Protein backbone atom coordinates (compact mmCIF):
# COMPACT_ATOMS: atom_id res chain seq x y z
CA MET A 1 -30.02 -0.83 -69.67
CA ASN A 2 -26.70 -0.60 -71.55
CA LYS A 3 -24.73 -3.59 -72.86
CA HIS A 4 -22.52 -3.91 -69.75
CA SER A 5 -24.89 -3.14 -66.93
CA PRO A 6 -25.89 -5.69 -64.31
CA SER A 7 -28.88 -7.63 -65.54
CA LEU A 8 -30.94 -7.11 -62.42
CA VAL A 9 -30.47 -4.50 -59.76
CA SER A 10 -29.38 -7.04 -57.15
CA ALA A 11 -28.10 -9.83 -59.43
CA PRO A 12 -24.63 -11.12 -58.59
CA TYR A 13 -23.85 -11.51 -62.31
CA ASN A 14 -23.76 -9.38 -65.44
CA VAL A 15 -25.48 -10.16 -68.71
CA PHE A 16 -23.71 -8.48 -71.61
CA GLN A 17 -23.05 -8.57 -75.33
CA GLN A 18 -19.51 -8.71 -76.55
CA LYS A 19 -18.57 -6.25 -79.25
CA GLY A 20 -19.45 -7.72 -82.64
CA SER A 21 -21.76 -10.42 -81.25
CA ALA A 22 -25.54 -10.53 -81.29
CA ASN A 23 -25.61 -13.17 -78.54
CA TRP A 24 -25.74 -12.36 -74.85
CA SER A 25 -23.22 -13.70 -72.34
CA ILE A 26 -22.99 -13.93 -68.57
CA ARG A 27 -20.10 -12.93 -66.32
CA PHE A 28 -19.80 -13.67 -62.60
CA SER A 29 -17.31 -14.75 -59.96
CA ILE A 30 -17.40 -17.64 -57.54
CA PRO A 31 -14.94 -17.70 -54.61
CA GLY A 32 -12.17 -20.19 -55.32
CA GLN A 33 -13.20 -20.56 -58.97
CA GLY A 34 -12.44 -17.10 -60.32
CA GLN A 35 -14.41 -15.25 -62.95
CA ILE A 36 -16.69 -17.28 -65.19
CA ARG A 37 -17.78 -16.05 -68.62
CA LYS A 38 -20.19 -18.01 -70.73
CA SER A 39 -22.18 -17.36 -73.87
CA LEU A 40 -25.90 -17.76 -73.37
CA GLY A 41 -26.35 -18.60 -77.05
CA THR A 42 -29.25 -16.24 -77.69
CA SER A 43 -29.76 -12.73 -79.03
CA ASP A 44 -33.08 -12.45 -77.14
CA ARG A 45 -32.45 -10.31 -74.05
CA LYS A 46 -35.42 -11.69 -72.09
CA LEU A 47 -34.40 -15.30 -72.73
CA ALA A 48 -30.79 -14.38 -71.88
CA GLU A 49 -31.94 -13.10 -68.48
CA THR A 50 -33.70 -16.39 -67.74
CA LEU A 51 -30.75 -18.46 -68.91
CA ALA A 52 -28.28 -16.30 -66.97
CA GLN A 53 -30.12 -16.90 -63.72
CA ARG A 54 -30.13 -20.66 -64.37
CA VAL A 55 -26.42 -20.74 -65.32
CA TYR A 56 -25.45 -18.73 -62.25
CA TYR A 57 -27.38 -20.83 -59.72
CA GLU A 58 -26.37 -24.14 -61.31
CA SER A 59 -22.76 -22.98 -61.09
CA LEU A 60 -23.18 -22.12 -57.43
CA LEU A 61 -24.64 -25.57 -56.73
CA LYS A 62 -21.73 -27.23 -58.52
CA ALA A 63 -19.20 -25.19 -56.55
CA GLU A 64 -20.95 -26.00 -53.25
CA SER A 65 -20.83 -29.69 -54.19
CA GLY A 66 -17.07 -29.44 -54.68
CA LEU A 67 -17.23 -29.61 -58.48
CA ASN A 68 -15.22 -27.42 -60.79
CA VAL A 69 -17.47 -24.87 -62.46
CA ARG A 70 -15.03 -24.38 -65.32
CA VAL A 71 -15.58 -27.33 -67.60
CA LYS A 72 -12.45 -29.14 -68.67
CA THR A 73 -12.64 -31.49 -71.60
CA ILE A 74 -11.43 -35.07 -71.31
CA SER A 75 -8.57 -34.06 -73.61
CA LYS A 76 -7.48 -31.25 -71.26
CA ILE A 77 -7.68 -33.53 -68.22
CA ILE A 78 -5.55 -36.14 -69.99
CA HIS A 79 -2.90 -33.58 -70.95
CA ASP A 80 -2.83 -32.23 -67.38
CA TYR A 81 -2.34 -35.78 -66.09
CA ILE A 82 0.43 -36.46 -68.62
CA GLN A 83 2.24 -33.34 -67.37
CA PHE A 84 1.79 -34.60 -63.80
CA MET A 85 3.23 -38.02 -64.73
CA GLU A 86 6.19 -36.42 -66.51
CA LYS A 87 6.98 -34.34 -63.41
CA ARG A 88 6.78 -37.48 -61.27
CA LEU A 89 9.14 -39.20 -63.72
CA GLU A 90 11.64 -36.32 -63.46
CA GLN A 91 11.46 -36.58 -59.66
CA GLY A 92 12.16 -40.32 -59.86
CA MET A 93 8.75 -41.13 -58.41
CA MET A 94 7.31 -42.91 -61.43
CA PRO A 95 8.91 -45.47 -63.76
CA LYS A 96 9.52 -44.33 -67.34
CA GLY A 97 7.79 -47.40 -68.78
CA VAL A 98 4.61 -46.67 -66.84
CA VAL A 99 4.59 -43.06 -68.06
CA ILE A 100 5.11 -44.13 -71.69
CA GLN A 101 2.43 -46.83 -71.52
CA ASN A 102 -0.14 -44.64 -69.72
CA LYS A 103 0.49 -41.76 -72.13
CA ALA A 104 -0.02 -44.02 -75.16
CA ILE A 105 -3.22 -45.57 -73.78
CA LEU A 106 -4.70 -42.26 -72.65
CA THR A 107 -3.97 -40.33 -75.86
CA ARG A 108 -4.71 -43.07 -78.39
CA TYR A 109 -7.79 -44.62 -76.83
CA VAL A 110 -9.39 -42.47 -74.13
CA GLU A 111 -8.72 -39.12 -75.82
CA GLY A 112 -9.35 -40.68 -79.23
CA PHE A 113 -12.86 -41.63 -78.19
CA PHE A 114 -13.92 -39.04 -75.60
CA GLY A 115 -11.69 -36.12 -76.71
CA GLU A 116 -13.55 -32.84 -76.36
CA GLN A 117 -16.40 -34.26 -74.27
CA ASN A 118 -17.35 -32.82 -70.92
CA PRO A 119 -16.61 -35.49 -68.27
CA ASN A 120 -19.85 -34.60 -66.48
CA PHE A 121 -21.80 -36.10 -69.37
CA ILE A 122 -20.09 -39.48 -69.63
CA SER A 123 -22.79 -42.05 -69.03
CA ASN A 124 -22.91 -45.82 -68.66
CA LYS A 125 -23.98 -45.96 -72.31
CA SER A 126 -20.99 -43.89 -73.47
CA VAL A 127 -18.64 -46.17 -71.48
CA GLN A 128 -20.22 -49.21 -73.17
CA ASP A 129 -19.83 -47.48 -76.55
CA TYR A 130 -16.16 -46.83 -75.71
CA LEU A 131 -15.55 -50.47 -74.80
CA SER A 132 -17.07 -51.61 -78.11
CA TRP A 133 -15.06 -48.98 -80.04
CA ARG A 134 -11.89 -49.96 -78.19
CA SER A 135 -12.28 -53.68 -78.95
CA ASP A 136 -12.66 -52.87 -82.67
CA TYR A 137 -9.96 -50.16 -82.76
CA TRP A 138 -7.32 -52.14 -84.66
CA ILE A 139 -9.71 -54.26 -86.74
CA SER A 140 -12.34 -51.91 -88.14
CA GLY A 141 -11.76 -48.64 -86.23
CA PRO A 142 -9.21 -45.83 -86.58
CA GLY A 143 -6.26 -48.18 -85.97
CA LYS A 144 -6.95 -50.25 -89.09
CA ASP A 145 -5.31 -47.53 -91.22
CA ILE A 146 -2.14 -47.36 -89.11
CA GLN A 147 0.48 -49.37 -90.99
CA PHE A 148 3.41 -49.10 -88.57
CA LEU A 149 3.75 -48.61 -84.82
CA THR A 150 6.77 -46.78 -83.43
CA TYR A 151 7.75 -47.07 -79.80
CA GLU A 152 10.78 -46.93 -77.55
CA ARG A 153 12.31 -49.94 -75.81
CA ASP A 154 15.54 -49.87 -73.82
CA GLY A 155 16.46 -46.48 -75.29
CA LYS A 156 15.98 -47.68 -78.88
CA THR A 157 13.23 -46.58 -81.26
CA ILE A 158 11.46 -49.57 -82.77
CA THR A 159 9.11 -49.56 -85.74
CA THR A 160 6.96 -52.63 -86.29
CA PRO A 161 4.18 -53.46 -88.75
CA ASN A 162 0.68 -53.03 -87.36
CA HIS A 163 -1.47 -56.12 -86.91
CA THR A 164 -4.18 -55.91 -89.53
CA GLU A 165 -7.57 -57.58 -89.63
CA GLU A 166 -6.01 -60.40 -91.70
CA THR A 167 -3.48 -61.05 -88.94
CA TYR A 168 -6.23 -61.29 -86.33
CA THR A 169 -8.36 -63.47 -88.60
CA SER A 170 -5.38 -65.67 -89.40
CA LEU A 171 -4.48 -66.08 -85.72
CA SER A 172 -8.04 -66.94 -84.76
CA CYS A 173 -8.40 -69.50 -87.60
CA HIS A 174 -5.27 -71.38 -86.55
CA SER A 175 -5.91 -71.41 -82.84
CA GLU A 176 -7.29 -74.51 -81.25
CA PRO A 177 -10.65 -74.32 -79.44
């Protein structure tokens, strides 16, 4: 069997090696989803055959369930949604303030935490981890190192000092129970 031949005589997919790679990959098409190519992550041909069959049939099941076989990361989904919101803004169908606020929240927090993750693998535990991370963002998380925040209000660009841990501690010490 050469490097680009179908893996099995009647298999609806091809197992192949790309030039310069020791690992095997799979290539197949699913109606409405286009051509799918995926590395099988192994240089063992026999194991690649087994994995290829699994990948192909799992992909078919996903497609039949109405799921997208091509995995988009959370980051890609967020950027697609931001483009959608910006188009709605241009059409006058979404307020500018909502677009700005949603974009800031999605990119800073949701993308900052989930980023390159596959949305299919977000669990209750990862949502709980996100909520904990989000509540600590400005105090002990990535936001603690941000000294100034810049935003737009009424067409003007405003830069303001970031609230540090001392500010939060100070506010909580002086508040009445």
